[in-house]
Amino acid sequence: MFGRVLAIAMNTYREAVRARVLYGLLAAALATSLYSVLVATLSLRQETRVVADLGAASLSLYAVLVAIVLGATSLHRELELKTIFPILTRSLRRHEYVVGKYLGTLLVLGVFLALDGATVLVILGVMAGQRIALLASVGAGLVAVLAFALLRAKHSRVFVLIPWSALLLAAALVVAEPAGAERRLVAASLTLTFAEVAIVAAVATLFSSFSSPFLTAIFTFGVFVVGRSADMLANLPVKVFGEGVRTVGGILARVFPNLHLYVPPRPLLLGQALDTPLWSYVLGAALHAALFATLLLAVGALIFRKRDFQ
């Protein structure tokens, strides 16, 4: 079973990285990260803070967009091209196919976040005064590793980016060491963003199991908006909205995933919240994401199994 799911996941990744819209979103994300340098120069001795805050915000925004786009189109593309029929006529079960598609989407999101997050961290390191010699040596080493891997992987070059992006992110964390607490903020935001988009991708996979790409994108975005507003919906003032609206808001806050968990206040991300250790919070949020994603995938797989493709 694991081998079949892995094969679907890797094939989904290979198809996704060929999509032009993904490159467009990646370019926009990197451009936003670079734009933060310009904004930082206008601040008064707050350069690293501005870069970290804008970088964390752009990570979340573009990763959510990628999750919605990929989740909405991945299953439909197979149906439109009718390539799903020979796949499902083999020993592959439908729930394995859905899980594989989801894991492939997560793989793309992981690479996307690693590339964008590494860019933010490198900018942080430069703004914090990291040594040019270290930056040059690390950059040259990464380029050499990528070139060597591409030469060796003649028939699977598209997969080289997976380990290389992880290596790039690790190197960027080292480069950003002079940034101190701001580096911690970006690293925590990066982890929380991945957990959040894991839920968003699961929501998109659920809707795509029975809906069109357009409706899937609309529904998923709606769930995202409600999820980000969960805390507010649960505490609507009765005097302003009335008891009925407050009750509906409370129900929505309980039913929908609370995505506000993944954008905590800045003091917590900096590790300055005495009552809540940062990485304990991140672990709890990641477990929340895993539980919600598993539940959503189970429902999506059940719907997809009963779907008639005729």
C-alpha atoms as a PDB file:
ATOM      1  CA  MET A   1       0.000   0.000   0.000  1.00  0.00           C
ATOM      2  CA  PHE A   2       2.716   2.494   0.962  1.00  0.00           C
ATOM      3  CA  GLY A   3       4.531   1.926  -2.318  1.00  0.00           C
ATOM      4  CA  ARG A   4       1.397   2.677  -4.345  1.00  0.00           C
ATOM      5  CA  VAL A   5       0.628   5.814  -2.327  1.00  0.00           C
ATOM      6  CA  LEU A   6       4.228   6.985  -2.702  1.00  0.00           C
ATOM      7  CA  ALA A   7       4.096   6.449  -6.469  1.00  0.00           C
ATOM      8  CA  ILE A   8       0.951   8.602  -6.737  1.00  0.00           C
ATOM      9  CA  ALA A   9       2.510  11.263  -4.498  1.00  0.00           C
ATOM     10  CA  MET A  10       5.688  11.494  -6.566  1.00  0.00           C
ATOM     11  CA  ASN A  11       3.714  11.590  -9.810  1.00  0.00           C
ATOM     12  CA  THR A  12       1.535  14.378  -8.383  1.00  0.00           C
ATOM     13  CA  TYR A  13       4.663  16.308  -7.435  1.00  0.00           C
ATOM     14  CA  ARG A  14       6.127  15.842 -10.914  1.00  0.00           C
ATOM     15  CA  GLU A  15       2.951  17.130 -12.561  1.00  0.00           C
ATOM     16  CA  ALA A  16       2.598  20.075 -10.169  1.00  0.00           C
ATOM     17  CA  VAL A  17       6.112  21.443 -10.675  1.00  0.00           C
ATOM     18  CA  ARG A  18       5.379  21.728 -14.392  1.00  0.00           C
ATOM     19  CA  ALA A  19       2.439  24.068 -13.789  1.00  0.00           C
ATOM     20  CA  ARG A  20       3.180  27.647 -14.819  1.00  0.00           C
ATOM     21  CA  VAL A  21       0.914  29.072 -12.140  1.00  0.00           C
ATOM     22  CA  LEU A  22       3.171  27.541  -9.487  1.00  0.00           C
ATOM     23  CA  TYR A  23       6.212  29.320 -10.899  1.00  0.00           C
ATOM     24  CA  GLY A  24       4.227  32.541 -11.024  1.00  0.00           C
ATOM     25  CA  LEU A  25       3.286  32.267  -7.351  1.00  0.00           C
ATOM     26  CA  LEU A  26       6.858  31.351  -6.408  1.00  0.00           C
ATOM     27  CA  ALA A  27       8.195  34.365  -8.312  1.00  0.00           C
ATOM     28  CA  ALA A  28       5.653  36.622  -6.596  1.00  0.00           C
ATOM     29  CA  ALA A  29       6.576  35.205  -3.188  1.00  0.00           C
ATOM     30  CA  LEU A  30      10.301  35.718  -3.762  1.00  0.00           C
ATOM     31  CA  ALA A  31       9.673  39.227  -5.104  1.00  0.00           C
ATOM     32  CA  THR A  32       7.658  40.074  -1.987  1.00  0.00           C
ATOM     33  CA  SER A  33      10.481  38.810   0.211  1.00  0.00           C
ATOM     34  CA  LEU A  34      12.965  40.980  -1.681  1.00  0.00           C
ATOM     35  CA  TYR A  35      10.584  43.940  -1.504  1.00  0.00           C
ATOM     36  CA  SER A  36      10.761  43.692   2.285  1.00  0.00           C
ATOM     37  CA  VAL A  37      14.370  44.936   2.013  1.00  0.00           C
ATOM     38  CA  LEU A  38      13.137  48.178   0.447  1.00  0.00           C
ATOM     39  CA  VAL A  39      10.512  48.618   3.154  1.00  0.00           C
ATOM     40  CA  ALA A  40      13.091  47.829   5.841  1.00  0.00           C
ATOM     41  CA  THR A  41      15.359  50.633   4.656  1.00  0.00           C
ATOM     42  CA  LEU A  42      12.561  53.100   5.440  1.00  0.00           C
ATOM     43  CA  SER A  43      12.318  51.948   9.055  1.00  0.00           C
ATOM     44  CA  LEU A  44      14.305  53.359  11.958  1.00  0.00           C
ATOM     45  CA  ARG A  45      16.700  50.679  13.248  1.00  0.00           C
ATOM     46  CA  GLN A  46      14.019  48.013  12.780  1.00  0.00           C
ATOM     47  CA  GLU A  47      15.307  46.445   9.569  1.00  0.00           C
ATOM     48  CA  THR A  48      15.403  42.824  10.726  1.00  0.00           C
ATOM     49  CA  ARG A  49      11.997  43.103  12.380  1.00  0.00           C
ATOM     50  CA  VAL A  50      10.397  44.470   9.207  1.00  0.00           C
ATOM     51  CA  VAL A  51      11.987  41.755   7.053  1.00  0.00           C
ATOM     52  CA  ALA A  52      10.917  39.018   9.483  1.00  0.00           C
ATOM     53  CA  ASP A  53       7.326  40.256   9.795  1.00  0.00           C
ATOM     54  CA  LEU A  54       6.789  40.821   6.068  1.00  0.00           C
ATOM     55  CA  GLY A  55       8.546  37.561   5.254  1.00  0.00           C
ATOM     56  CA  ALA A  56       6.365  35.562   7.642  1.00  0.00           C
ATOM     57  CA  ALA A  57       3.213  37.187   6.236  1.00  0.00           C
ATOM     58  CA  SER A  58       4.208  36.464   2.629  1.00  0.00           C
ATOM     59  CA  LEU A  59       5.052  32.857   3.499  1.00  0.00           C
ATOM     60  CA  SER A  60       1.534  32.318   4.810  1.00  0.00           C
ATOM     61  CA  LEU A  61      -0.249  34.181   2.002  1.00  0.00           C
ATOM     62  CA  TYR A  62       1.425  32.519  -0.961  1.00  0.00           C
ATOM     63  CA  ALA A  63       1.530  29.056   0.583  1.00  0.00           C
ATOM     64  CA  VAL A  64      -2.240  29.181   1.148  1.00  0.00           C
ATOM     65  CA  LEU A  65      -2.759  30.246  -2.476  1.00  0.00           C
ATOM     66  CA  VAL A  66      -0.592  27.357  -3.696  1.00  0.00           C
ATOM     67  CA  ALA A  67      -2.495  24.907  -1.482  1.00  0.00           C
ATOM     68  CA  ILE A  68      -5.844  26.087  -2.863  1.00  0.00           C
ATOM     69  CA  VAL A  69      -4.713  26.022  -6.502  1.00  0.00           C
ATOM     70  CA  LEU A  70      -3.055  22.611  -6.332  1.00  0.00           C
ATOM     71  CA  GLY A  71      -5.775  21.056  -4.204  1.00  0.00           C
ATOM     72  CA  ALA A  72      -8.508  22.331  -6.518  1.00  0.00           C
ATOM     73  CA  THR A  73      -6.905  21.197  -9.784  1.00  0.00           C
ATOM     74  CA  SER A  74      -4.975  18.030  -8.971  1.00  0.00           C
ATOM     75  CA  LEU A  75      -7.836  15.515  -9.002  1.00  0.00           C
ATOM     76  CA  HIS A  76      -9.771  17.307 -11.738  1.00  0.00           C
ATOM     77  CA  ARG A  77      -6.803  17.236 -14.119  1.00  0.00           C
ATOM     78  CA  GLU A  78      -6.711  13.452 -13.986  1.00  0.00           C
ATOM     79  CA  LEU A  79     -10.452  13.284 -14.623  1.00  0.00           C
ATOM     80  CA  GLU A  80     -10.306  15.757 -17.498  1.00  0.00           C
ATOM     81  CA  LEU A  81      -7.480  13.895 -19.233  1.00  0.00           C
ATOM     82  CA  LYS A  82      -9.134  10.556 -18.359  1.00  0.00           C
ATOM     83  CA  THR A  83      -5.812   9.242 -17.036  1.00  0.00           C
ATOM     84  CA  ILE A  84      -7.522   8.276 -13.801  1.00  0.00           C
ATOM     85  CA  PHE A  85      -9.363   5.326 -15.371  1.00  0.00           C
ATOM     86  CA  PRO A  86      -6.351   3.117 -16.183  1.00  0.00           C
ATOM     87  CA  ILE A  87      -4.878   4.003 -12.786  1.00  0.00           C
ATOM     88  CA  LEU A  88      -7.937   2.919 -10.812  1.00  0.00           C
ATOM     89  CA  THR A  89      -8.446  -0.240 -12.876  1.00  0.00           C
ATOM     90  CA  ARG A  90      -5.216  -1.595 -11.420  1.00  0.00           C
ATOM     91  CA  SER A  91      -4.757  -2.798  -7.866  1.00  0.00           C
ATOM     92  CA  LEU A  92      -4.761   0.791  -6.596  1.00  0.00           C
ATOM     93  CA  ARG A  93      -7.650   1.591  -4.287  1.00  0.00           C
ATOM     94  CA  ARG A  94      -9.436   4.912  -4.429  1.00  0.00           C
ATOM     95  CA  HIS A  95      -8.523   5.988  -0.913  1.00  0.00           C
ATOM     96  CA  GLU A  96      -4.862   5.283  -1.712  1.00  0.00           C
ATOM     97  CA  TYR A  97      -5.176   7.517  -4.744  1.00  0.00           C
ATOM     98  CA  VAL A  98      -6.658  10.378  -2.693  1.00  0.00           C
ATOM     99  CA  VAL A  99      -3.996  10.074   0.009  1.00  0.00           C
ATOM    100  CA  GLY A 100      -1.252   9.951  -2.616  1.00  0.00           C
ATOM    101  CA  LYS A 101      -2.585  13.084  -4.300  1.00  0.00           C
ATOM    102  CA  TYR A 102      -2.685  14.873  -0.962  1.00  0.00           C
ATOM    103  CA  LEU A 103       0.848  13.845   0.003  1.00  0.00           C
ATOM    104  CA  GLY A 104       2.115  14.968  -3.394  1.00  0.00           C
ATOM    105  CA  THR A 105       0.525  18.360  -2.810  1.00  0.00           C
ATOM    106  CA  LEU A 106       2.168  18.543   0.626  1.00  0.00           C
ATOM    107  CA  LEU A 107       5.510  17.727  -0.972  1.00  0.00           C
ATOM    108  CA  VAL A 108       5.146  20.645  -3.384  1.00  0.00           C
ATOM    109  CA  LEU A 109       4.127  22.927  -0.523  1.00  0.00           C
ATOM    110  CA  GLY A 110       7.148  21.823   1.492  1.00  0.00           C
ATOM    111  CA  VAL A 111       9.531  22.671  -1.353  1.00  0.00           C
ATOM    112  CA  PHE A 112       7.749  25.982  -1.963  1.00  0.00           C
ATOM    113  CA  LEU A 113       8.008  26.996   1.692  1.00  0.00           C
ATOM    114  CA  ALA A 114      11.629  25.864   1.922  1.00  0.00           C
ATOM    115  CA  LEU A 115      12.640  28.036  -1.051  1.00  0.00           C
ATOM    116  CA  ASP A 116      10.691  31.084   0.093  1.00  0.00           C
ATOM    117  CA  GLY A 117      11.645  30.640   3.743  1.00  0.00           C
ATOM    118  CA  ALA A 118      15.323  30.288   2.855  1.00  0.00           C
ATOM    119  CA  THR A 119      15.123  33.550   0.898  1.00  0.00           C
ATOM    120  CA  VAL A 120      13.696  35.376   3.910  1.00  0.00           C
ATOM    121  CA  LEU A 121      16.320  33.891   6.233  1.00  0.00           C
ATOM    122  CA  VAL A 122      19.211  34.808   3.932  1.00  0.00           C
ATOM    123  CA  ILE A 123      17.911  38.384   3.705  1.00  0.00           C
ATOM    124  CA  LEU A 124      17.690  38.424   7.506  1.00  0.00           C
ATOM    125  CA  GLY A 125      21.284  37.248   7.763  1.00  0.00           C
ATOM    126  CA  VAL A 126      22.487  39.940   5.378  1.00  0.00           C
ATOM    127  CA  MET A 127      20.534  42.663   7.193  1.00  0.00           C
ATOM    128  CA  ALA A 128      21.915  41.448  10.543  1.00  0.00           C
ATOM    129  CA  GLY A 129      25.500  41.730   9.306  1.00  0.00           C
ATOM    130  CA  GLN A 130      26.443  38.153   8.451  1.00  0.00           C
ATOM    131  CA  ARG A 131      29.990  37.810   7.085  1.00  0.00           C
ATOM    132  CA  ILE A 132      30.234  38.075   3.302  1.00  0.00           C
ATOM    133  CA  ALA A 133      32.831  35.287   3.197  1.00  0.00           C
ATOM    134  CA  LEU A 134      30.410  32.855   4.844  1.00  0.00           C
ATOM    135  CA  LEU A 135      27.584  33.885   2.522  1.00  0.00           C
ATOM    136  CA  ALA A 136      29.783  33.386  -0.540  1.00  0.00           C
ATOM    137  CA  SER A 137      31.104  29.993   0.569  1.00  0.00           C
ATOM    138  CA  VAL A 138      27.667  28.661   1.508  1.00  0.00           C
ATOM    139  CA  GLY A 139      26.178  29.928  -1.758  1.00  0.00           C
ATOM    140  CA  ALA A 140      28.954  28.395  -3.845  1.00  0.00           C
ATOM    141  CA  GLY A 141      28.603  25.092  -2.031  1.00  0.00           C
ATOM    142  CA  LEU A 142      24.851  24.958  -2.590  1.00  0.00           C
ATOM    143  CA  VAL A 143      25.224  25.752  -6.288  1.00  0.00           C
ATOM    144  CA  ALA A 144      27.875  23.040  -6.636  1.00  0.00           C
ATOM    145  CA  VAL A 145      25.674  20.466  -4.890  1.00  0.00           C
ATOM    146  CA  LEU A 146      22.715  21.356  -7.117  1.00  0.00           C
ATOM    147  CA  ALA A 147      24.803  21.162 -10.298  1.00  0.00           C
ATOM    148  CA  PHE A 148      26.265  17.792  -9.302  1.00  0.00           C
ATOM    149  CA  ALA A 149      22.836  16.393  -8.409  1.00  0.00           C
ATOM    150  CA  LEU A 150      21.343  17.556 -11.708  1.00  0.00           C
ATOM    151  CA  LEU A 151      24.173  15.927 -13.649  1.00  0.00           C
ATOM    152  CA  ARG A 152      23.765  12.624 -11.823  1.00  0.00           C
ATOM    153  CA  ALA A 153      19.961  12.539 -11.981  1.00  0.00           C
ATOM    154  CA  LYS A 154      19.501  12.516 -15.744  1.00  0.00           C
ATOM    155  CA  HIS A 155      15.994  11.043 -15.768  1.00  0.00           C
ATOM    156  CA  SER A 156      14.654  12.353 -12.444  1.00  0.00           C
ATOM    157  CA  ARG A 157      15.941  15.911 -12.234  1.00  0.00           C
ATOM    158  CA  VAL A 158      12.566  17.200 -11.143  1.00  0.00           C
ATOM    159  CA  PHE A 159      13.006  15.368  -7.825  1.00  0.00           C
ATOM    160  CA  VAL A 160      16.442  16.858  -7.098  1.00  0.00           C
ATOM    161  CA  LEU A 161      14.774  19.983  -5.758  1.00  0.00           C
ATOM    162  CA  ILE A 162      13.243  18.077  -2.827  1.00  0.00           C
ATOM    163  CA  PRO A 163      16.434  17.284  -0.859  1.00  0.00           C
ATOM    164  CA  TRP A 164      18.215  20.371  -2.171  1.00  0.00           C
ATOM    165  CA  SER A 165      15.505  22.729  -0.901  1.00  0.00           C
ATOM    166  CA  ALA A 166      15.782  21.119   2.543  1.00  0.00           C
ATOM    167  CA  LEU A 167      19.559  21.599   2.435  1.00  0.00           C
ATOM    168  CA  LEU A 168      19.064  25.209   1.335  1.00  0.00           C
ATOM    169  CA  LEU A 169      16.716  25.880   4.251  1.00  0.00           C
ATOM    170  CA  ALA A 170      19.166  24.355   6.742  1.00  0.00           C
ATOM    171  CA  ALA A 171      21.990  26.491   5.338  1.00  0.00           C
ATOM    172  CA  ALA A 172      19.797  29.599   5.481  1.00  0.00           C
ATOM    173  CA  LEU A 173      19.093  28.961   9.168  1.00  0.00           C
ATOM    174  CA  VAL A 174      22.839  28.971   9.777  1.00  0.00           C
ATOM    175  CA  VAL A 175      23.347  32.113   7.708  1.00  0.00           C
ATOM    176  CA  ALA A 176      20.581  33.934   9.623  1.00  0.00           C
ATOM    177  CA  GLU A 177      22.164  33.190  13.022  1.00  0.00           C
ATOM    178  CA  PRO A 178      23.107  36.866  13.699  1.00  0.00           C
ATOM    179  CA  ALA A 179      19.405  37.808  13.442  1.00  0.00           C
ATOM    180  CA  GLY A 180      18.755  36.077  16.777  1.00  0.00           C
ATOM    181  CA  ALA A 181      15.112  36.244  17.852  1.00  0.00           C
ATOM    182  CA  GLU A 182      13.930  37.294  14.393  1.00  0.00           C
ATOM    183  CA  ARG A 183      15.361  34.068  12.983  1.00  0.00           C
ATOM    184  CA  ARG A 184      13.346  32.167  15.588  1.00  0.00           C
ATOM    185  CA  LEU A 185      10.221  34.041  14.522  1.00  0.00           C
ATOM    186  CA  VAL A 186      10.667  33.110  10.859  1.00  0.00           C
ATOM    187  CA  ALA A 187      11.474  29.472  11.685  1.00  0.00           C
ATOM    188  CA  ALA A 188       8.389  29.150  13.902  1.00  0.00           C
ATOM    189  CA  SER A 189       6.190  30.916  11.335  1.00  0.00           C
ATOM    190  CA  LEU A 190       7.492  28.598   8.633  1.00  0.00           C
ATOM    191  CA  THR A 191       6.578  25.517  10.677  1.00  0.00           C
ATOM    192  CA  LEU A 192       3.147  26.860  11.593  1.00  0.00           C
ATOM    193  CA  THR A 193       2.452  27.856   7.989  1.00  0.00           C
ATOM    194  CA  PHE A 194       3.203  24.335   6.796  1.00  0.00           C
ATOM    195  CA  ALA A 195       0.799  22.960   9.406  1.00  0.00           C
ATOM    196  CA  GLU A 196      -1.866  25.447   8.324  1.00  0.00           C
ATOM    197  CA  VAL A 197      -1.564  24.686   4.615  1.00  0.00           C
ATOM    198  CA  ALA A 198      -1.727  20.976   5.438  1.00  0.00           C
ATOM    199  CA  ILE A 199      -5.279  21.653   6.639  1.00  0.00           C
ATOM    200  CA  VAL A 200      -6.081  23.921   3.689  1.00  0.00           C
ATOM    201  CA  ALA A 201      -4.817  21.298   1.221  1.00  0.00           C
ATOM    202  CA  ALA A 202      -6.912  18.638   2.970  1.00  0.00           C
ATOM    203  CA  VAL A 203      -9.988  20.867   2.706  1.00  0.00           C
ATOM    204  CA  ALA A 204      -9.316  21.392  -1.009  1.00  0.00           C
ATOM    205  CA  THR A 205      -8.834  17.644  -1.512  1.00  0.00           C
ATOM    206  CA  LEU A 206     -12.150  16.978   0.225  1.00  0.00           C
ATOM    207  CA  PHE A 207     -14.079  19.420  -1.962  1.00  0.00           C
ATOM    208  CA  SER A 208     -12.311  18.324  -5.149  1.00  0.00           C
ATOM    209  CA  SER A 209     -13.507  14.769  -4.550  1.00  0.00           C
ATOM    210  CA  PHE A 210     -17.015  15.814  -5.592  1.00  0.00           C
ATOM    211  CA  SER A 211     -16.837  19.352  -7.008  1.00  0.00           C
ATOM    212  CA  SER A 212     -15.376  21.351  -9.894  1.00  0.00           C
ATOM    213  CA  PRO A 213     -12.047  23.224  -9.543  1.00  0.00           C
ATOM    214  CA  PHE A 214     -13.753  26.631  -9.431  1.00  0.00           C
ATOM    215  CA  LEU A 215     -16.203  25.650  -6.700  1.00  0.00           C
ATOM    216  CA  THR A 216     -13.455  23.812  -4.831  1.00  0.00           C
ATOM    217  CA  ALA A 217     -11.328  26.961  -4.781  1.00  0.00           C
ATOM    218  CA  ILE A 218     -14.283  29.091  -3.624  1.00  0.00           C
ATOM    219  CA  PHE A 219     -15.299  26.641  -0.887  1.00  0.00           C
ATOM    220  CA  THR A 220     -11.731  26.195   0.315  1.00  0.00           C
ATOM    221  CA  PHE A 221     -11.125  29.926   0.455  1.00  0.00           C
ATOM    222  CA  GLY A 222     -14.367  30.308   2.413  1.00  0.00           C
ATOM    223  CA  VAL A 223     -13.249  27.698   4.939  1.00  0.00           C
ATOM    224  CA  PHE A 224      -9.896  29.474   5.208  1.00  0.00           C
ATOM    225  CA  VAL A 225     -11.552  32.844   5.918  1.00  0.00           C
ATOM    226  CA  VAL A 226     -13.883  31.352   8.531  1.00  0.00           C
ATOM    227  CA  GLY A 227     -11.012  29.408  10.089  1.00  0.00           C
ATOM    228  CA  ARG A 228      -8.843  32.506  10.383  1.00  0.00           C
ATOM    229  CA  SER A 229     -11.814  34.303  11.998  1.00  0.00           C
ATOM    230  CA  ALA A 230     -12.709  31.474  14.385  1.00  0.00           C
ATOM    231  CA  ASP A 231     -11.700  33.309  17.565  1.00  0.00           C
ATOM    232  CA  MET A 232     -13.631  36.418  16.533  1.00  0.00           C
ATOM    233  CA  LEU A 233     -16.730  34.403  15.579  1.00  0.00           C
ATOM    234  CA  ALA A 234     -16.706  32.655  18.951  1.00  0.00           C
ATOM    235  CA  ASN A 235     -16.736  35.985  20.797  1.00  0.00           C
ATOM    236  CA  LEU A 236     -19.135  38.165  18.830  1.00  0.00           C
ATOM    237  CA  PRO A 237     -20.721  40.831  21.073  1.00  0.00           C
ATOM    238  CA  VAL A 238     -24.397  40.068  21.685  1.00  0.00           C
ATOM    239  CA  LYS A 239     -25.340  43.756  21.929  1.00  0.00           C
ATOM    240  CA  VAL A 240     -24.092  44.392  18.391  1.00  0.00           C
ATOM    241  CA  PHE A 241     -25.001  41.196  16.516  1.00  0.00           C
ATOM    242  CA  GLY A 242     -27.731  39.636  18.616  1.00  0.00           C
ATOM    243  CA  GLU A 243     -27.977  36.236  20.265  1.00  0.00           C
ATOM    244  CA  GLY A 244     -28.810  34.375  17.043  1.00  0.00           C
ATOM    245  CA  VAL A 245     -25.763  35.602  15.130  1.00  0.00           C
ATOM    246  CA  ARG A 246     -23.532  34.926  18.132  1.00  0.00           C
ATOM    247  CA  THR A 247     -24.848  31.355  18.324  1.00  0.00           C
ATOM    248  CA  VAL A 248     -24.202  30.775  14.621  1.00  0.00           C
ATOM    249  CA  GLY A 249     -20.719  32.244  14.996  1.00  0.00           C
ATOM    250  CA  GLY A 250     -19.999  29.934  17.911  1.00  0.00           C
ATOM    251  CA  ILE A 251     -21.129  26.892  15.917  1.00  0.00           C
ATOM    252  CA  LEU A 252     -18.947  27.865  12.958  1.00  0.00           C
ATOM    253  CA  ALA A 253     -15.974  28.377  15.272  1.00  0.00           C
ATOM    254  CA  ARG A 254     -16.413  24.857  16.675  1.00  0.00           C
ATOM    255  CA  VAL A 255     -17.046  23.076  13.368  1.00  0.00           C
ATOM    256  CA  PHE A 256     -14.399  24.751  11.207  1.00  0.00           C
ATOM    257  CA  PRO A 257     -10.681  24.327  11.899  1.00  0.00           C
ATOM    258  CA  ASN A 258      -9.306  27.171  13.994  1.00  0.00           C
ATOM    259  CA  LEU A 259      -6.642  28.501  11.633  1.00  0.00           C
ATOM    260  CA  HIS A 260      -6.034  31.478  13.898  1.00  0.00           C
ATOM    261  CA  LEU A 261      -3.817  29.102  15.891  1.00  0.00           C
ATOM    262  CA  TYR A 262      -1.242  29.342  13.113  1.00  0.00           C
ATOM    263  CA  VAL A 263      -0.820  33.127  13.307  1.00  0.00           C
ATOM    264  CA  PRO A 264      -0.023  33.664  17.002  1.00  0.00           C
ATOM    265  CA  PRO A 265       1.046  37.051  18.401  1.00  0.00           C
ATOM    266  CA  ARG A 266       4.601  38.230  17.862  1.00  0.00           C
ATOM    267  CA  PRO A 267       5.764  37.845  21.515  1.00  0.00           C
ATOM    268  CA  LEU A 268       4.905  34.143  21.395  1.00  0.00           C
ATOM    269  CA  LEU A 269       6.821  33.652  18.133  1.00  0.00           C
ATOM    270  CA  LEU A 270       9.822  35.375  19.684  1.00  0.00           C
ATOM    271  CA  GLY A 271       9.687  33.044  22.692  1.00  0.00           C
ATOM    272  CA  GLN A 272       8.819  35.906  25.038  1.00  0.00           C
ATOM    273  CA  ALA A 273       5.473  34.526  26.261  1.00  0.00           C
ATOM    274  CA  LEU A 274       6.284  33.196  29.727  1.00  0.00           C
ATOM    275  CA  ASP A 275       3.121  31.114  30.076  1.00  0.00           C
ATOM    276  CA  THR A 276       3.442  29.378  26.669  1.00  0.00           C
ATOM    277  CA  PRO A 277       6.758  27.861  25.511  1.00  0.00           C
ATOM    278  CA  LEU A 278       7.151  28.488  21.776  1.00  0.00           C
ATOM    279  CA  TRP A 279       7.968  25.006  20.543  1.00  0.00           C
ATOM    280  CA  SER A 280       5.357  23.394  22.805  1.00  0.00           C
ATOM    281  CA  TYR A 281       2.808  25.656  21.142  1.00  0.00           C
ATOM    282  CA  VAL A 282       4.115  24.763  17.682  1.00  0.00           C
ATOM    283  CA  LEU A 283       3.920  21.043  18.498  1.00  0.00           C
ATOM    284  CA  GLY A 284       0.343  21.386  19.730  1.00  0.00           C
ATOM    285  CA  ALA A 285      -0.651  23.301  16.601  1.00  0.00           C
ATOM    286  CA  ALA A 286       1.001  20.662  14.405  1.00  0.00           C
ATOM    287  CA  LEU A 287      -0.933  17.879  16.160  1.00  0.00           C
ATOM    288  CA  HIS A 288      -4.151  19.863  15.685  1.00  0.00           C
ATOM    289  CA  ALA A 289      -3.361  20.124  11.966  1.00  0.00           C
ATOM    290  CA  ALA A 290      -2.575  16.412  11.687  1.00  0.00           C
ATOM    291  CA  LEU A 291      -5.872  15.430  13.327  1.00  0.00           C
ATOM    292  CA  PHE A 292      -7.964  17.773  11.183  1.00  0.00           C
ATOM    293  CA  ALA A 293      -6.173  16.791   7.969  1.00  0.00           C
ATOM    294  CA  THR A 294      -6.636  13.090   8.730  1.00  0.00           C
ATOM    295  CA  LEU A 295     -10.358  13.573   9.378  1.00  0.00           C
ATOM    296  CA  LEU A 296     -10.850  15.624   6.211  1.00  0.00           C
ATOM    297  CA  LEU A 297      -8.923  13.112   4.105  1.00  0.00           C
ATOM    298  CA  ALA A 298     -10.984  10.241   5.507  1.00  0.00           C
ATOM    299  CA  VAL A 299     -14.223  11.999   4.524  1.00  0.00           C
ATOM    300  CA  GLY A 300     -12.820  12.926   1.111  1.00  0.00           C
ATOM    301  CA  ALA A 301     -11.667   9.363   0.459  1.00  0.00           C
ATOM    302  CA  LEU A 302     -15.096   8.030   1.428  1.00  0.00           C
ATOM    303  CA  ILE A 303     -16.854  10.420  -0.964  1.00  0.00           C
ATOM    304  CA  PHE A 304     -14.380   9.696  -3.753  1.00  0.00           C
ATOM    305  CA  ARG A 305     -14.846   5.944  -3.299  1.00  0.00           C
ATOM    306  CA  LYS A 306     -18.587   6.267  -3.887  1.00  0.00           C
ATOM    307  CA  ARG A 307     -18.242   8.652  -6.831  1.00  0.00           C
ATOM    308  CA  ASP A 308     -19.450   7.451 -10.229  1.00  0.00           C
ATOM    309  CA  PHE A 309     -17.148   8.513 -13.084  1.00  0.00           C
ATOM    310  CA  GLN A 310     -19.445   7.371 -15.871  1.00  0.00           C
END
